[in-house]
Amino acid sequence: MWVVGLAYVIGALIALPIGIMSAYKQYSVFDQIRAFLSIIGLPVPPFFSGVFAILIFAVYPNWFPSIYNTNLVVDSWSSFVKQLRQIIMPVMVLPVQTTAQISRYVRSSMLE
């Protein structure tokens, strides 16, 4: 629940300014880039972009764990850091679709 909630909040915080600026600068280069990224971000499912995130950030450089440990008990600073390290990748992947959807809705609402 923490992962999905945090991902939605981050997606909304990214999408609101993008949608507002896109409506304010209608048909600009910024608006065209936002539209292109929204078109790419909407149909890509999280399980597909998640595999790429695992390959890019977990397998080759070994920065983050590739498997989410559900048995991890946060009772010390080191276990909290481990929890943060395993939350980062899902929270990076899940807001992609949310950001694309909300930025499109905000832009259309601002233009009306």
N, C-alpha and C. Protein backbone atom coordinates (compact mmCIF):
# COMPACT_ATOMS: atom_id res chain seq x y z
N MET A 1 0.82 -1.18 0.00
CA MET A 1 0.00 0.00 0.00
C MET A 1 0.87 1.26 0.00
N TRP A 2 2.00 1.18 0.71
CA TRP A 2 2.91 2.32 0.71
C TRP A 2 3.46 2.59 -0.67
N VAL A 3 3.81 1.54 -1.39
CA VAL A 3 4.42 1.70 -2.71
C VAL A 3 3.43 2.33 -3.68
N VAL A 4 2.23 1.80 -3.73
CA VAL A 4 1.23 2.31 -4.67
C VAL A 4 0.80 3.73 -4.29
N GLY A 5 0.60 3.98 -3.01
CA GLY A 5 0.22 5.32 -2.58
C GLY A 5 1.29 6.34 -2.86
N LEU A 6 2.53 6.01 -2.56
CA LEU A 6 3.64 6.92 -2.83
C LEU A 6 3.83 7.14 -4.32
N ALA A 7 3.65 6.08 -5.11
CA ALA A 7 3.77 6.22 -6.56
C ALA A 7 2.69 7.13 -7.13
N TYR A 8 1.48 7.01 -6.61
CA TYR A 8 0.40 7.88 -7.10
C TYR A 8 0.63 9.33 -6.71
N VAL A 9 1.09 9.57 -5.49
CA VAL A 9 1.36 10.94 -5.05
C VAL A 9 2.49 11.55 -5.89
N ILE A 10 3.55 10.79 -6.13
CA ILE A 10 4.65 11.30 -6.94
C ILE A 10 4.19 11.55 -8.37
N GLY A 11 3.39 10.65 -8.92
CA GLY A 11 2.87 10.86 -10.27
C GLY A 11 2.01 12.10 -10.37
N ALA A 12 1.18 12.35 -9.37
CA ALA A 12 0.34 13.55 -9.38
C ALA A 12 1.17 14.81 -9.20
N LEU A 13 2.18 14.77 -8.34
CA LEU A 13 3.03 15.94 -8.13
C LEU A 13 3.86 16.28 -9.37
N ILE A 14 4.20 15.29 -10.15
CA ILE A 14 4.92 15.55 -11.40
C ILE A 14 3.95 16.02 -12.49
N ALA A 15 2.77 15.42 -12.54
CA ALA A 15 1.83 15.68 -13.64
C ALA A 15 1.15 17.04 -13.54
N LEU A 16 0.85 17.50 -12.36
CA LEU A 16 0.14 18.78 -12.22
C LEU A 16 0.91 19.94 -12.84
N PRO A 17 2.17 20.17 -12.48
CA PRO A 17 2.87 21.28 -13.13
C PRO A 17 3.08 21.08 -14.63
N ILE A 18 3.29 19.82 -15.04
CA ILE A 18 3.46 19.56 -16.47
C ILE A 18 2.18 19.90 -17.23
N GLY A 19 1.04 19.47 -16.71
CA GLY A 19 -0.24 19.77 -17.36
C GLY A 19 -0.55 21.24 -17.38
N ILE A 20 -0.26 21.95 -16.30
CA ILE A 20 -0.52 23.39 -16.25
C ILE A 20 0.37 24.14 -17.23
N MET A 21 1.67 23.80 -17.23
CA MET A 21 2.59 24.48 -18.16
C MET A 21 2.27 24.14 -19.61
N SER A 22 1.81 22.93 -19.85
CA SER A 22 1.45 22.53 -21.20
C SER A 22 0.22 23.29 -21.69
N ALA A 23 -0.73 23.54 -20.81
CA ALA A 23 -1.90 24.32 -21.19
C ALA A 23 -1.55 25.79 -21.36
N TYR A 24 -0.67 26.28 -20.51
CA TYR A 24 -0.26 27.68 -20.58
C TYR A 24 0.52 27.97 -21.86
N LYS A 25 1.37 27.03 -22.25
CA LYS A 25 2.17 27.18 -23.48
C LYS A 25 1.63 26.21 -24.53
N GLN A 26 0.40 26.43 -24.92
CA GLN A 26 -0.26 25.54 -25.86
C GLN A 26 0.45 25.54 -27.20
N TYR A 27 0.64 24.35 -27.78
CA TYR A 27 1.28 24.10 -29.08
C TYR A 27 2.75 24.51 -29.11
N SER A 28 3.38 24.64 -27.97
CA SER A 28 4.81 24.94 -27.93
C SER A 28 5.60 23.64 -28.00
N VAL A 29 6.91 23.77 -28.00
CA VAL A 29 7.77 22.59 -28.02
C VAL A 29 7.55 21.78 -26.74
N PHE A 30 7.39 22.45 -25.60
CA PHE A 30 7.13 21.77 -24.34
C PHE A 30 5.83 20.96 -24.42
N ASP A 31 4.80 21.54 -25.02
CA ASP A 31 3.53 20.85 -25.16
C ASP A 31 3.66 19.64 -26.09
N GLN A 32 4.42 19.77 -27.14
CA GLN A 32 4.62 18.66 -28.07
C GLN A 32 5.40 17.52 -27.42
N ILE A 33 6.42 17.87 -26.62
CA ILE A 33 7.18 16.84 -25.91
C ILE A 33 6.30 16.14 -24.89
N ARG A 34 5.47 16.89 -24.16
CA ARG A 34 4.55 16.30 -23.19
C ARG A 34 3.57 15.37 -23.87
N ALA A 35 3.05 15.79 -25.02
CA ALA A 35 2.11 14.94 -25.75
C ALA A 35 2.78 13.65 -26.24
N PHE A 36 4.02 13.77 -26.72
CA PHE A 36 4.75 12.59 -27.18
C PHE A 36 5.02 11.62 -26.03
N LEU A 37 5.46 12.16 -24.89
CA LEU A 37 5.74 11.30 -23.74
C LEU A 37 4.47 10.69 -23.16
N SER A 38 3.36 11.42 -23.24
CA SER A 38 2.08 10.86 -22.78
C SER A 38 1.63 9.73 -23.68
N ILE A 39 1.83 9.89 -24.97
CA ILE A 39 1.44 8.83 -25.90
C ILE A 39 2.29 7.58 -25.67
N ILE A 40 3.55 7.77 -25.32
CA ILE A 40 4.41 6.62 -25.02
C ILE A 40 4.09 6.05 -23.65
N GLY A 41 3.83 6.92 -22.66
CA GLY A 41 3.64 6.48 -21.29
C GLY A 41 2.33 5.77 -21.02
N LEU A 42 1.28 6.09 -21.77
CA LEU A 42 -0.02 5.47 -21.51
C LEU A 42 -0.10 3.98 -21.86
N PRO A 43 0.34 3.56 -23.03
CA PRO A 43 0.13 2.15 -23.37
C PRO A 43 1.17 1.18 -22.80
N VAL A 44 2.28 1.70 -22.26
CA VAL A 44 3.32 0.81 -21.75
C VAL A 44 2.91 0.32 -20.36
N PRO A 45 2.68 -0.98 -20.21
CA PRO A 45 2.27 -1.50 -18.91
C PRO A 45 3.44 -1.49 -17.92
N PRO A 46 3.13 -1.36 -16.63
CA PRO A 46 4.20 -1.33 -15.63
C PRO A 46 5.04 -2.60 -15.57
N PHE A 47 4.47 -3.74 -15.89
CA PHE A 47 5.29 -4.96 -15.85
C PHE A 47 6.31 -4.97 -16.98
N PHE A 48 6.05 -4.27 -18.07
CA PHE A 48 7.02 -4.17 -19.17
C PHE A 48 8.13 -3.19 -18.84
N SER A 49 7.75 -1.99 -18.37
CA SER A 49 8.78 -1.01 -18.00
C SER A 49 9.50 -1.43 -16.73
N GLY A 50 8.86 -2.23 -15.89
CA GLY A 50 9.51 -2.75 -14.69
C GLY A 50 10.65 -3.69 -15.01
N VAL A 51 10.49 -4.50 -16.06
CA VAL A 51 11.57 -5.40 -16.47
C VAL A 51 12.77 -4.59 -16.94
N PHE A 52 12.52 -3.52 -17.69
CA PHE A 52 13.62 -2.66 -18.12
C PHE A 52 14.29 -1.97 -16.94
N ALA A 53 13.50 -1.54 -15.97
CA ALA A 53 14.08 -0.92 -14.77
C ALA A 53 14.93 -1.91 -14.00
N ILE A 54 14.49 -3.16 -13.93
CA ILE A 54 15.28 -4.18 -13.24
C ILE A 54 16.59 -4.41 -13.98
N LEU A 55 16.52 -4.48 -15.30
CA LEU A 55 17.75 -4.68 -16.08
C LEU A 55 18.71 -3.50 -15.96
N ILE A 56 18.17 -2.29 -16.02
CA ILE A 56 19.02 -1.10 -16.01
C ILE A 56 19.59 -0.80 -14.63
N PHE A 57 18.79 -0.97 -13.58
CA PHE A 57 19.22 -0.53 -12.25
C PHE A 57 19.56 -1.66 -11.28
N ALA A 58 19.14 -2.89 -11.55
CA ALA A 58 19.37 -3.96 -10.59
C ALA A 58 20.33 -5.03 -11.10
N VAL A 59 20.23 -5.40 -12.35
CA VAL A 59 21.04 -6.50 -12.85
C VAL A 59 22.45 -6.05 -13.22
N TYR A 60 22.55 -5.05 -14.09
CA TYR A 60 23.87 -4.66 -14.58
C TYR A 60 24.68 -3.86 -13.56
N PRO A 61 24.18 -2.74 -13.02
CA PRO A 61 25.02 -2.03 -12.03
C PRO A 61 24.84 -2.54 -10.60
N ASN A 62 23.79 -3.32 -10.33
CA ASN A 62 23.51 -3.86 -8.99
C ASN A 62 23.32 -2.77 -7.94
N TRP A 63 22.58 -1.72 -8.32
CA TRP A 63 22.31 -0.62 -7.40
C TRP A 63 21.16 -0.95 -6.45
N PHE A 64 20.14 -1.61 -6.95
CA PHE A 64 18.94 -1.91 -6.17
C PHE A 64 18.67 -3.41 -6.20
N PRO A 65 17.94 -3.94 -5.21
CA PRO A 65 17.60 -5.37 -5.25
C PRO A 65 16.58 -5.64 -6.34
N SER A 66 16.70 -6.79 -6.97
CA SER A 66 15.77 -7.13 -8.05
C SER A 66 14.53 -7.85 -7.53
N ILE A 67 14.56 -8.32 -6.30
CA ILE A 67 13.42 -9.03 -5.71
C ILE A 67 12.97 -8.27 -4.47
N TYR A 68 11.67 -8.07 -4.34
CA TYR A 68 11.10 -7.36 -3.20
C TYR A 68 10.96 -8.34 -2.04
N ASN A 69 11.61 -8.05 -0.93
CA ASN A 69 11.58 -8.92 0.24
C ASN A 69 10.39 -8.53 1.12
N THR A 70 9.36 -9.34 1.13
CA THR A 70 8.17 -9.02 1.92
C THR A 70 8.32 -9.37 3.39
N ASN A 71 9.34 -10.13 3.73
CA ASN A 71 9.56 -10.52 5.12
C ASN A 71 10.46 -9.56 5.88
N LEU A 72 10.86 -8.47 5.26
CA LEU A 72 11.76 -7.52 5.89
C LEU A 72 11.02 -6.76 7.00
N VAL A 73 11.57 -6.81 8.19
CA VAL A 73 11.00 -6.10 9.34
C VAL A 73 11.85 -4.86 9.58
N VAL A 74 11.22 -3.70 9.56
CA VAL A 74 11.93 -2.45 9.76
C VAL A 74 12.00 -2.17 11.26
N ASP A 75 13.15 -2.44 11.84
CA ASP A 75 13.33 -2.20 13.26
C ASP A 75 14.65 -1.50 13.58
N SER A 76 15.41 -1.18 12.55
CA SER A 76 16.66 -0.45 12.75
C SER A 76 16.91 0.43 11.53
N TRP A 77 17.92 1.26 11.63
CA TRP A 77 18.24 2.17 10.54
C TRP A 77 18.67 1.39 9.29
N SER A 78 19.44 0.34 9.45
CA SER A 78 19.90 -0.42 8.29
C SER A 78 18.74 -1.14 7.59
N SER A 79 17.79 -1.65 8.35
CA SER A 79 16.63 -2.29 7.72
C SER A 79 15.73 -1.25 7.04
N PHE A 80 15.69 -0.02 7.57
CA PHE A 80 14.94 1.06 6.92
C PHE A 80 15.57 1.43 5.59
N VAL A 81 16.90 1.48 5.55
CA VAL A 81 17.61 1.77 4.30
C VAL A 81 17.37 0.65 3.29
N LYS A 82 17.37 -0.60 3.74
CA LYS A 82 17.06 -1.72 2.84
C LYS A 82 15.64 -1.60 2.29
N GLN A 83 14.70 -1.20 3.14
CA GLN A 83 13.32 -1.01 2.69
C GLN A 83 13.23 0.10 1.65
N LEU A 84 13.93 1.21 1.87
CA LEU A 84 13.94 2.30 0.89
C LEU A 84 14.57 1.86 -0.43
N ARG A 85 15.65 1.10 -0.36
CA ARG A 85 16.30 0.64 -1.58
C ARG A 85 15.38 -0.26 -2.40
N GLN A 86 14.56 -1.07 -1.76
CA GLN A 86 13.69 -1.95 -2.52
C GLN A 86 12.39 -1.28 -2.94
N ILE A 87 12.07 -0.13 -2.38
CA ILE A 87 10.87 0.61 -2.78
C ILE A 87 11.14 1.53 -3.97
N ILE A 88 12.38 1.95 -4.16
CA ILE A 88 12.69 2.97 -5.16
C ILE A 88 12.29 2.55 -6.57
N MET A 89 12.61 1.34 -6.99
CA MET A 89 12.29 0.95 -8.37
C MET A 89 10.79 0.85 -8.64
N PRO A 90 9.99 0.22 -7.79
CA PRO A 90 8.55 0.25 -8.07
C PRO A 90 7.97 1.66 -8.07
N VAL A 91 8.49 2.53 -7.22
CA VAL A 91 7.99 3.90 -7.16
C VAL A 91 8.48 4.70 -8.38
N MET A 92 9.54 4.26 -9.04
CA MET A 92 9.96 4.90 -10.29
C MET A 92 9.10 4.45 -11.46
N VAL A 93 8.69 3.19 -11.46
CA VAL A 93 7.99 2.62 -12.61
C VAL A 93 6.49 2.93 -12.59
N LEU A 94 5.86 2.82 -11.44
CA LEU A 94 4.40 2.97 -11.36
C LEU A 94 3.88 4.36 -11.73
N PRO A 95 4.57 5.46 -11.44
CA PRO A 95 4.00 6.77 -11.80
C PRO A 95 4.01 7.11 -13.28
N VAL A 96 4.60 6.28 -14.13
CA VAL A 96 4.68 6.63 -15.55
C VAL A 96 3.29 6.78 -16.15
N GLN A 97 2.42 5.80 -15.97
CA GLN A 97 1.07 5.89 -16.52
C GLN A 97 0.25 6.95 -15.81
N THR A 98 0.39 7.05 -14.51
CA THR A 98 -0.36 8.05 -13.74
C THR A 98 0.01 9.46 -14.20
N THR A 99 1.29 9.71 -14.39
CA THR A 99 1.74 11.03 -14.84
C THR A 99 1.19 11.34 -16.23
N ALA A 100 1.22 10.37 -17.12
CA ALA A 100 0.71 10.59 -18.47
C ALA A 100 -0.79 10.89 -18.45
N GLN A 101 -1.55 10.15 -17.67
CA GLN A 101 -3.00 10.37 -17.60
C GLN A 101 -3.34 11.71 -16.97
N ILE A 102 -2.78 11.98 -15.81
CA ILE A 102 -3.14 13.20 -15.09
C ILE A 102 -2.69 14.44 -15.85
N SER A 103 -1.52 14.42 -16.48
CA SER A 103 -1.08 15.60 -17.23
C SER A 103 -2.00 15.88 -18.41
N ARG A 104 -2.51 14.84 -19.05
CA ARG A 104 -3.47 15.06 -20.14
C ARG A 104 -4.78 15.64 -19.63
N TYR A 105 -5.26 15.11 -18.49
CA TYR A 105 -6.51 15.62 -17.91
C TYR A 105 -6.36 17.06 -17.45
N VAL A 106 -5.25 17.37 -16.82
CA VAL A 106 -5.03 18.75 -16.32
C VAL A 106 -4.94 19.71 -17.49
N ARG A 107 -4.23 19.34 -18.55
CA ARG A 107 -4.11 20.22 -19.72
C ARG A 107 -5.46 20.48 -20.35
N SER A 108 -6.25 19.44 -20.55
CA SER A 108 -7.57 19.64 -21.18
C SER A 108 -8.50 20.43 -20.27
N SER A 109 -8.42 20.22 -18.97
CA SER A 109 -9.27 20.98 -18.05
C SER A 109 -8.86 22.44 -18.00
N MET A 110 -7.57 22.70 -18.05
CA MET A 110 -7.09 24.10 -18.04
C MET A 110 -7.49 24.82 -19.33
N LEU A 111 -7.49 24.10 -20.44
CA LEU A 111 -7.84 24.74 -21.71
C LEU A 111 -9.35 25.03 -21.81
N GLU A 112 -10.17 24.25 -21.12
CA GLU A 112 -11.60 24.50 -21.14
C GLU A 112 -11.92 25.70 -20.28
